[in-house]
Structures are given as structure tokens and as C-alpha cells.
Amino acid sequence: MQGTHDRIIADAAKAALGPLGFKRKGRSRIWLADHRWWLAVVEFQPSSWSKGSYLNVAAHWLWSEIGSLGFDFGGRIMEHVEYVTDDQFKGAAAQLVETAAIEAQRLVELFDTLSNVAKVLLVAAQTESGQPHLHPGWSDYHAGVAAALVGRPDDARKMFTAILDSPAPPRSLLHPAAERMVHLLSDPTGLREEVMALIERQREALRLPSLTTLKF
């Protein structure tokens, strides 16, 4: 059951994020902006011990067939803001959604082209400035896919090889994905078709509209 603080967040998010193309995911505290092959994700994360919200903002690349949302680039933006009263939390929620909107727009500008995506993700993977709470190989995978799509096969191969040279955890999705991609590096058309198929399957898993066409 939603509390007053949930409704305050939802109303503030609709006003600030709706004009930026964000839609609420069901009745959750997650808002998504669909950029076809990636999502801008805003989460007003609840706390398990008190009313209020954290703020997470990230990009999620749709070319990973994991079947769920992930914070692939980005993460925690604001620490927990506690709900005390309606009036107090309306001001706090306004700050949360304003910060979310600014960070989401920054990601849109940062990733305005696939070439820029490749540049940013390669630097993040090579400097280990990705997501420390995730398996580090996923940063390599996303950088490798982006590099392959923009015609940088040598950089892509380095990323995929780094994954394949590391031990594979039990039931790893990452290693088979990297192996499939590295075998396609000599076939750019086949790799592009594979990536488009992955995106479509991930969109279906996340209940996003199917794309009639997809161009990178």
C-alpha cells in the first residue's frame, strides 16, 4: 500500500520527469525514458527502516540479455532523505526530482551518439571507474559492444578478451555473451544483427514497445 510520501514523490516526478519523456514503471518508484537501445533510469529507492527516499540515476544498455533492469552507468546520486511531515517532504521531493532531471539530462547529452557511448564506456572500463558493486566484467562487455558497433574491433576484442580470460562464475551470463560477441567481430553485419536481436529481447522482457526499426 502506498503512503503519503509515495504519492508526493510520484506527483513531483510526474511534473519534473514527464516533460523529459519519463514514464513511471507500473506503481513502482522507477521512472524510465526510452532511448531505443538504452534507457535512462531514475529510481526513488525506498529505505527498509524509515519513510523517505534515496535517488539513483543511471543508464541501462538494452543489449544485455539479463531480463531485468540494471544500473550500467551511474548509480546513487543522493543519500536517504527522510519523510517527517507532508510539507517538509514536499520540499525534499522537489529537490530529489530536480536533481534527477539534471542528472538524466546529463546522461542524455553524454550519450547523444553511439560513438560517444563507446568513448565514455571504454575509458570507464579501462580506468575501472564503472560500477564497483557489479561484476566488473559487465563494464567491459558494454564497452566492447559499443566499440564493435562503431567500428573499433580492436578495442572491442580487448574488452571481450578481458572477460574470457577471467574465471567464469557458475551460471554466468556474461562469459557466453562475450564469447558470442568476440566470434562475431569479423562479421560486422552479423554482430549488428545479433545486438539488435538482444535489444529486442531485452525490451520484450522489460515490457517495452517493440521497435519496428532500429538504427545506431
C-alpha atoms as a PDB file:
ATOM      1  CA  MET A   1       0.000   0.000   0.000  1.00  0.00           C
ATOM      2  CA  GLN A   2       1.320   3.405  -0.940  1.00  0.00           C
ATOM      3  CA  GLY A   3       1.842   6.001   1.738  1.00  0.00           C
ATOM      4  CA  THR A   4       1.534   9.764   1.546  1.00  0.00           C
ATOM      5  CA  HIS A   5       5.256  10.097   0.884  1.00  0.00           C
ATOM      6  CA  ASP A   6       4.956   7.751  -2.124  1.00  0.00           C
ATOM      7  CA  ARG A   7       2.248   9.942  -3.630  1.00  0.00           C
ATOM      8  CA  ILE A   8       4.303  13.070  -3.003  1.00  0.00           C
ATOM      9  CA  ILE A   9       7.248  11.538  -4.882  1.00  0.00           C
ATOM     10  CA  ALA A  10       5.034  10.315  -7.724  1.00  0.00           C
ATOM     11  CA  ASP A  11       3.374  13.713  -8.187  1.00  0.00           C
ATOM     12  CA  ALA A  12       6.694  15.561  -8.124  1.00  0.00           C
ATOM     13  CA  ALA A  13       8.311  13.080 -10.520  1.00  0.00           C
ATOM     14  CA  LYS A  14       5.433  13.289 -12.978  1.00  0.00           C
ATOM     15  CA  ALA A  15       5.721  17.067 -13.076  1.00  0.00           C
ATOM     16  CA  ALA A  16       9.517  17.183 -13.446  1.00  0.00           C
ATOM     17  CA  LEU A  17      10.340  13.995 -15.372  1.00  0.00           C
ATOM     18  CA  GLY A  18       7.242  13.630 -17.533  1.00  0.00           C
ATOM     19  CA  PRO A  19       8.245  16.516 -19.837  1.00  0.00           C
ATOM     20  CA  LEU A  20      11.631  14.807 -20.329  1.00  0.00           C
ATOM     21  CA  GLY A  21       9.983  11.670 -21.690  1.00  0.00           C
ATOM     22  CA  PHE A  22       9.999   9.610 -18.499  1.00  0.00           C
ATOM     23  CA  LYS A  23       7.189   7.209 -17.680  1.00  0.00           C
ATOM     24  CA  ARG A  24       6.560   5.511 -14.375  1.00  0.00           C
ATOM     25  CA  LYS A  25       7.132   1.757 -14.321  1.00  0.00           C
ATOM     26  CA  GLY A  26       3.809   0.460 -13.058  1.00  0.00           C
ATOM     27  CA  ARG A  27       3.236   1.575  -9.475  1.00  0.00           C
ATOM     28  CA  SER A  28       6.909   1.437  -8.604  1.00  0.00           C
ATOM     29  CA  ARG A  29       9.288   4.247  -7.763  1.00  0.00           C
ATOM     30  CA  ILE A  30      11.160   3.696 -11.014  1.00  0.00           C
ATOM     31  CA  TRP A  31      10.843   6.081 -13.967  1.00  0.00           C
ATOM     32  CA  LEU A  32      12.175   5.255 -17.431  1.00  0.00           C
ATOM     33  CA  ALA A  33      12.993   7.313 -20.512  1.00  0.00           C
ATOM     34  CA  ASP A  34      13.216   5.129 -23.618  1.00  0.00           C
ATOM     35  CA  HIS A  35      16.112   5.884 -25.972  1.00  0.00           C
ATOM     36  CA  ARG A  36      15.533   2.794 -28.100  1.00  0.00           C
ATOM     37  CA  TRP A  37      18.812   0.975 -27.433  1.00  0.00           C
ATOM     38  CA  TRP A  38      19.250   2.302 -23.899  1.00  0.00           C
ATOM     39  CA  LEU A  39      17.136   3.532 -21.019  1.00  0.00           C
ATOM     40  CA  ALA A  40      17.612   6.437 -18.676  1.00  0.00           C
ATOM     41  CA  VAL A  41      16.583   5.057 -15.281  1.00  0.00           C
ATOM     42  CA  VAL A  42      15.537   7.118 -12.265  1.00  0.00           C
ATOM     43  CA  GLU A  43      14.781   5.281  -9.042  1.00  0.00           C
ATOM     44  CA  PHE A  44      13.479   6.897  -5.881  1.00  0.00           C
ATOM     45  CA  GLN A  45      14.713   3.990  -3.808  1.00  0.00           C
ATOM     46  CA  PRO A  46      12.849   3.344  -0.550  1.00  0.00           C
ATOM     47  CA  SER A  47      14.554   2.587   2.724  1.00  0.00           C
ATOM     48  CA  SER A  48      13.884  -0.586   4.666  1.00  0.00           C
ATOM     49  CA  TRP A  49      13.915   1.210   8.010  1.00  0.00           C
ATOM     50  CA  SER A  50      12.242   4.605   7.518  1.00  0.00           C
ATOM     51  CA  LYS A  51       9.983   6.524   5.171  1.00  0.00           C
ATOM     52  CA  GLY A  52      11.745   8.591   2.551  1.00  0.00           C
ATOM     53  CA  SER A  53      13.903   8.032  -0.479  1.00  0.00           C
ATOM     54  CA  TYR A  54      17.364   7.632  -1.918  1.00  0.00           C
ATOM     55  CA  LEU A  55      17.960   8.757  -5.501  1.00  0.00           C
ATOM     56  CA  ASN A  56      19.589   6.579  -8.159  1.00  0.00           C
ATOM     57  CA  VAL A  57      20.052   7.703 -11.773  1.00  0.00           C
ATOM     58  CA  ALA A  58      21.710   5.553 -14.405  1.00  0.00           C
ATOM     59  CA  ALA A  59      21.843   4.358 -17.992  1.00  0.00           C
ATOM     60  CA  HIS A  60      20.797   0.797 -18.790  1.00  0.00           C
ATOM     61  CA  TRP A  61      22.067  -0.702 -22.049  1.00  0.00           C
ATOM     62  CA  LEU A  62      19.487  -2.922 -23.678  1.00  0.00           C
ATOM     63  CA  TRP A  63      21.994  -5.171 -25.466  1.00  0.00           C
ATOM     64  CA  SER A  64      22.471  -7.413 -22.427  1.00  0.00           C
ATOM     65  CA  GLU A  65      20.004 -10.291 -22.231  1.00  0.00           C
ATOM     66  CA  ILE A  66      19.637 -10.252 -18.461  1.00  0.00           C
ATOM     67  CA  GLY A  67      15.865  -9.850 -18.364  1.00  0.00           C
ATOM     68  CA  SER A  68      15.869  -7.138 -15.710  1.00  0.00           C
ATOM     69  CA  LEU A  69      16.833  -3.514 -15.236  1.00  0.00           C
ATOM     70  CA  GLY A  70      20.394  -2.673 -14.273  1.00  0.00           C
ATOM     71  CA  PHE A  71      22.352   0.437 -13.354  1.00  0.00           C
ATOM     72  CA  ASP A  72      25.023   0.024 -16.034  1.00  0.00           C
ATOM     73  CA  PHE A  73      26.440   3.546 -15.870  1.00  0.00           C
ATOM     74  CA  GLY A  74      25.610   5.745 -12.919  1.00  0.00           C
ATOM     75  CA  GLY A  75      24.018   4.952  -9.588  1.00  0.00           C
ATOM     76  CA  ARG A  76      23.463   6.678  -6.246  1.00  0.00           C
ATOM     77  CA  ILE A  77      23.063  10.446  -6.614  1.00  0.00           C
ATOM     78  CA  MET A  78      21.530  11.403  -3.282  1.00  0.00           C
ATOM     79  CA  GLU A  79      21.555   9.677   0.066  1.00  0.00           C
ATOM     80  CA  HIS A  80      18.402   8.969   2.023  1.00  0.00           C
ATOM     81  CA  VAL A  81      16.025  11.881   2.568  1.00  0.00           C
ATOM     82  CA  GLU A  82      13.656  11.104   5.416  1.00  0.00           C
ATOM     83  CA  TYR A  83       9.949  11.821   5.463  1.00  0.00           C
ATOM     84  CA  VAL A  84       8.919  13.758   8.592  1.00  0.00           C
ATOM     85  CA  THR A  85       5.834  15.707   7.544  1.00  0.00           C
ATOM     86  CA  ASP A  86       3.992  16.247   4.289  1.00  0.00           C
ATOM     87  CA  ASP A  87       5.123  19.862   3.987  1.00  0.00           C
ATOM     88  CA  GLN A  88       8.732  19.019   4.782  1.00  0.00           C
ATOM     89  CA  PHE A  89       8.811  16.119   2.350  1.00  0.00           C
ATOM     90  CA  LYS A  90       7.223  18.081  -0.490  1.00  0.00           C
ATOM     91  CA  GLY A  91      10.290  20.308  -0.413  1.00  0.00           C
ATOM     92  CA  ALA A  92      12.592  17.286  -0.183  1.00  0.00           C
ATOM     93  CA  ALA A  93      10.821  15.551  -3.070  1.00  0.00           C
ATOM     94  CA  ALA A  94      11.159  18.692  -5.197  1.00  0.00           C
ATOM     95  CA  GLN A  95      14.923  18.595  -4.601  1.00  0.00           C
ATOM     96  CA  LEU A  96      15.059  14.874  -5.415  1.00  0.00           C
ATOM     97  CA  VAL A  97      13.234  15.207  -8.734  1.00  0.00           C
ATOM     98  CA  GLU A  98      15.131  18.344  -9.744  1.00  0.00           C
ATOM     99  CA  THR A  99      18.421  16.548  -9.129  1.00  0.00           C
ATOM    100  CA  ALA A 100      17.121  13.509 -11.019  1.00  0.00           C
ATOM    101  CA  ALA A 101      16.127  15.643 -14.003  1.00  0.00           C
ATOM    102  CA  ILE A 102      19.520  17.356 -14.148  1.00  0.00           C
ATOM    103  CA  GLU A 103      21.437  14.078 -13.965  1.00  0.00           C
ATOM    104  CA  ALA A 104      19.168  12.391 -16.504  1.00  0.00           C
ATOM    105  CA  GLN A 105      19.705  15.249 -18.949  1.00  0.00           C
ATOM    106  CA  ARG A 106      23.450  14.980 -18.375  1.00  0.00           C
ATOM    107  CA  LEU A 107      23.340  11.320 -19.378  1.00  0.00           C
ATOM    108  CA  VAL A 108      21.298  12.104 -22.487  1.00  0.00           C
ATOM    109  CA  GLU A 109      23.853  14.717 -23.556  1.00  0.00           C
ATOM    110  CA  LEU A 110      26.781  12.451 -22.657  1.00  0.00           C
ATOM    111  CA  PHE A 111      25.377   9.564 -24.696  1.00  0.00           C
ATOM    112  CA  ASP A 112      23.945  11.546 -27.597  1.00  0.00           C
ATOM    113  CA  THR A 113      25.734   9.343 -30.140  1.00  0.00           C
ATOM    114  CA  LEU A 114      26.912   5.743 -30.115  1.00  0.00           C
ATOM    115  CA  SER A 115      30.425   6.978 -30.806  1.00  0.00           C
ATOM    116  CA  ASN A 116      30.325   8.970 -27.558  1.00  0.00           C
ATOM    117  CA  VAL A 117      28.949   5.950 -25.736  1.00  0.00           C
ATOM    118  CA  ALA A 118      31.928   3.896 -26.909  1.00  0.00           C
ATOM    119  CA  LYS A 119      34.408   6.598 -25.864  1.00  0.00           C
ATOM    120  CA  VAL A 120      32.927   7.029 -22.403  1.00  0.00           C
ATOM    121  CA  LEU A 121      32.477   3.314 -21.684  1.00  0.00           C
ATOM    122  CA  LEU A 122      35.963   2.383 -22.891  1.00  0.00           C
ATOM    123  CA  VAL A 123      37.509   4.963 -20.585  1.00  0.00           C
ATOM    124  CA  ALA A 124      35.295   3.819 -17.688  1.00  0.00           C
ATOM    125  CA  ALA A 125      36.213   0.158 -18.233  1.00  0.00           C
ATOM    126  CA  GLN A 126      39.928   0.814 -18.662  1.00  0.00           C
ATOM    127  CA  THR A 127      40.139   3.051 -15.592  1.00  0.00           C
ATOM    128  CA  GLU A 128      37.873   0.794 -13.519  1.00  0.00           C
ATOM    129  CA  SER A 129      35.538   3.734 -12.937  1.00  0.00           C
ATOM    130  CA  GLY A 130      32.415   1.761 -13.743  1.00  0.00           C
ATOM    131  CA  GLN A 131      30.117   0.184 -11.191  1.00  0.00           C
ATOM    132  CA  PRO A 132      32.096  -1.251  -8.256  1.00  0.00           C
ATOM    133  CA  HIS A 133      29.038  -3.095  -6.902  1.00  0.00           C
ATOM    134  CA  LEU A 134      28.545  -5.007 -10.146  1.00  0.00           C
ATOM    135  CA  HIS A 135      30.634  -7.798 -11.619  1.00  0.00           C
ATOM    136  CA  PRO A 136      33.389  -5.701 -13.244  1.00  0.00           C
ATOM    137  CA  GLY A 137      33.189  -7.704 -16.461  1.00  0.00           C
ATOM    138  CA  TRP A 138      29.852  -6.140 -17.374  1.00  0.00           C
ATOM    139  CA  SER A 139      31.562  -2.764 -17.790  1.00  0.00           C
ATOM    140  CA  ASP A 140      33.962  -4.455 -20.220  1.00  0.00           C
ATOM    141  CA  TYR A 141      31.066  -6.107 -22.046  1.00  0.00           C
ATOM    142  CA  HIS A 142      29.099  -2.902 -22.569  1.00  0.00           C
ATOM    143  CA  ALA A 143      32.231  -1.059 -23.690  1.00  0.00           C
ATOM    144  CA  GLY A 144      33.044  -3.903 -26.078  1.00  0.00           C
ATOM    145  CA  VAL A 145      29.598  -3.921 -27.672  1.00  0.00           C
ATOM    146  CA  ALA A 146      29.612  -0.153 -28.160  1.00  0.00           C
ATOM    147  CA  ALA A 147      33.136  -0.242 -29.608  1.00  0.00           C
ATOM    148  CA  ALA A 148      32.212  -3.046 -32.020  1.00  0.00           C
ATOM    149  CA  LEU A 149      29.135  -1.181 -33.238  1.00  0.00           C
ATOM    150  CA  VAL A 150      31.144   1.949 -34.119  1.00  0.00           C
ATOM    151  CA  GLY A 151      33.891   0.087 -35.973  1.00  0.00           C
ATOM    152  CA  ARG A 152      36.520  -0.246 -33.261  1.00  0.00           C
ATOM    153  CA  PRO A 153      37.032  -4.041 -33.327  1.00  0.00           C
ATOM    154  CA  ASP A 154      40.479  -3.965 -31.711  1.00  0.00           C
ATOM    155  CA  ASP A 155      39.137  -2.125 -28.673  1.00  0.00           C
ATOM    156  CA  ALA A 156      36.118  -4.422 -28.589  1.00  0.00           C
ATOM    157  CA  ARG A 157      38.313  -7.513 -28.701  1.00  0.00           C
ATOM    158  CA  LYS A 158      40.347  -6.261 -25.726  1.00  0.00           C
ATOM    159  CA  MET A 159      37.180  -5.831 -23.692  1.00  0.00           C
ATOM    160  CA  PHE A 160      35.726  -9.250 -24.553  1.00  0.00           C
ATOM    161  CA  THR A 161      39.081 -10.998 -24.116  1.00  0.00           C
ATOM    162  CA  ALA A 162      39.463  -9.484 -20.644  1.00  0.00           C
ATOM    163  CA  ILE A 163      36.165 -11.123 -19.714  1.00  0.00           C
ATOM    164  CA  LEU A 164      37.035 -14.501 -21.227  1.00  0.00           C
ATOM    165  CA  ASP A 165      40.445 -14.507 -19.538  1.00  0.00           C
ATOM    166  CA  SER A 166      38.803 -14.193 -16.116  1.00  0.00           C
ATOM    167  CA  PRO A 167      37.205 -17.101 -14.220  1.00  0.00           C
ATOM    168  CA  ALA A 168      33.562 -17.650 -15.100  1.00  0.00           C
ATOM    169  CA  PRO A 169      31.209 -17.703 -12.109  1.00  0.00           C
ATOM    170  CA  PRO A 170      28.670 -20.562 -12.014  1.00  0.00           C
ATOM    171  CA  ARG A 171      25.766 -19.974 -14.402  1.00  0.00           C
ATOM    172  CA  SER A 172      27.461 -16.875 -15.759  1.00  0.00           C
ATOM    173  CA  LEU A 173      25.514 -14.981 -18.414  1.00  0.00           C
ATOM    174  CA  LEU A 174      28.461 -12.706 -19.052  1.00  0.00           C
ATOM    175  CA  HIS A 175      31.001 -15.189 -20.396  1.00  0.00           C
ATOM    176  CA  PRO A 176      28.740 -16.804 -23.028  1.00  0.00           C
ATOM    177  CA  ALA A 177      27.671 -13.319 -24.137  1.00  0.00           C
ATOM    178  CA  ALA A 178      31.281 -12.169 -24.507  1.00  0.00           C
ATOM    179  CA  GLU A 179      32.226 -15.356 -26.357  1.00  0.00           C
ATOM    180  CA  ARG A 180      29.350 -14.893 -28.791  1.00  0.00           C
ATOM    181  CA  MET A 181      30.381 -11.295 -29.465  1.00  0.00           C
ATOM    182  CA  VAL A 182      34.076 -11.975 -29.942  1.00  0.00           C
ATOM    183  CA  HIS A 183      33.254 -14.603 -32.562  1.00  0.00           C
ATOM    184  CA  LEU A 184      31.181 -12.017 -34.453  1.00  0.00           C
ATOM    185  CA  LEU A 185      33.861  -9.320 -34.585  1.00  0.00           C
ATOM    186  CA  SER A 186      34.934 -10.468 -38.037  1.00  0.00           C
ATOM    187  CA  ASP A 187      31.323 -10.208 -39.235  1.00  0.00           C
ATOM    188  CA  PRO A 188      30.120  -6.638 -38.535  1.00  0.00           C
ATOM    189  CA  THR A 189      26.738  -7.242 -40.160  1.00  0.00           C
ATOM    190  CA  GLY A 190      26.155 -10.396 -38.131  1.00  0.00           C
ATOM    191  CA  LEU A 191      27.255  -8.646 -34.937  1.00  0.00           C
ATOM    192  CA  ARG A 192      24.894  -5.763 -35.567  1.00  0.00           C
ATOM    193  CA  GLU A 193      22.017  -8.170 -36.201  1.00  0.00           C
ATOM    194  CA  GLU A 194      22.847 -10.050 -33.006  1.00  0.00           C
ATOM    195  CA  VAL A 195      22.884  -6.835 -30.985  1.00  0.00           C
ATOM    196  CA  MET A 196      19.553  -5.754 -32.446  1.00  0.00           C
ATOM    197  CA  ALA A 197      18.074  -9.149 -31.547  1.00  0.00           C
ATOM    198  CA  LEU A 198      19.402  -8.824 -27.982  1.00  0.00           C
ATOM    199  CA  ILE A 199      17.892  -5.364 -27.674  1.00  0.00           C
ATOM    200  CA  GLU A 200      14.518  -6.586 -28.880  1.00  0.00           C
ATOM    201  CA  ARG A 201      14.517  -9.499 -26.427  1.00  0.00           C
ATOM    202  CA  GLN A 202      15.508  -7.260 -23.535  1.00  0.00           C
ATOM    203  CA  ARG A 203      12.814  -4.769 -24.495  1.00  0.00           C
ATOM    204  CA  GLU A 204      10.278  -7.593 -24.508  1.00  0.00           C
ATOM    205  CA  ALA A 205      11.466  -8.789 -21.085  1.00  0.00           C
ATOM    206  CA  LEU A 206      11.050  -5.272 -19.704  1.00  0.00           C
ATOM    207  CA  ARG A 207       7.644  -4.926 -21.392  1.00  0.00           C
ATOM    208  CA  LEU A 208       8.778  -2.070 -23.599  1.00  0.00           C
ATOM    209  CA  PRO A 209       7.165  -1.489 -27.011  1.00  0.00           C
ATOM    210  CA  SER A 210       8.673  -3.452 -29.849  1.00  0.00           C
ATOM    211  CA  LEU A 211      10.749  -1.449 -32.326  1.00  0.00           C
ATOM    212  CA  THR A 212       9.824  -1.636 -36.000  1.00  0.00           C
ATOM    213  CA  THR A 213      13.257  -0.338 -36.983  1.00  0.00           C
ATOM    214  CA  LEU A 214      16.454   0.272 -35.093  1.00  0.00           C
ATOM    215  CA  LYS A 215      19.394   2.330 -36.297  1.00  0.00           C
ATOM    216  CA  PHE A 216      22.518   3.054 -34.327  1.00  0.00           C
END
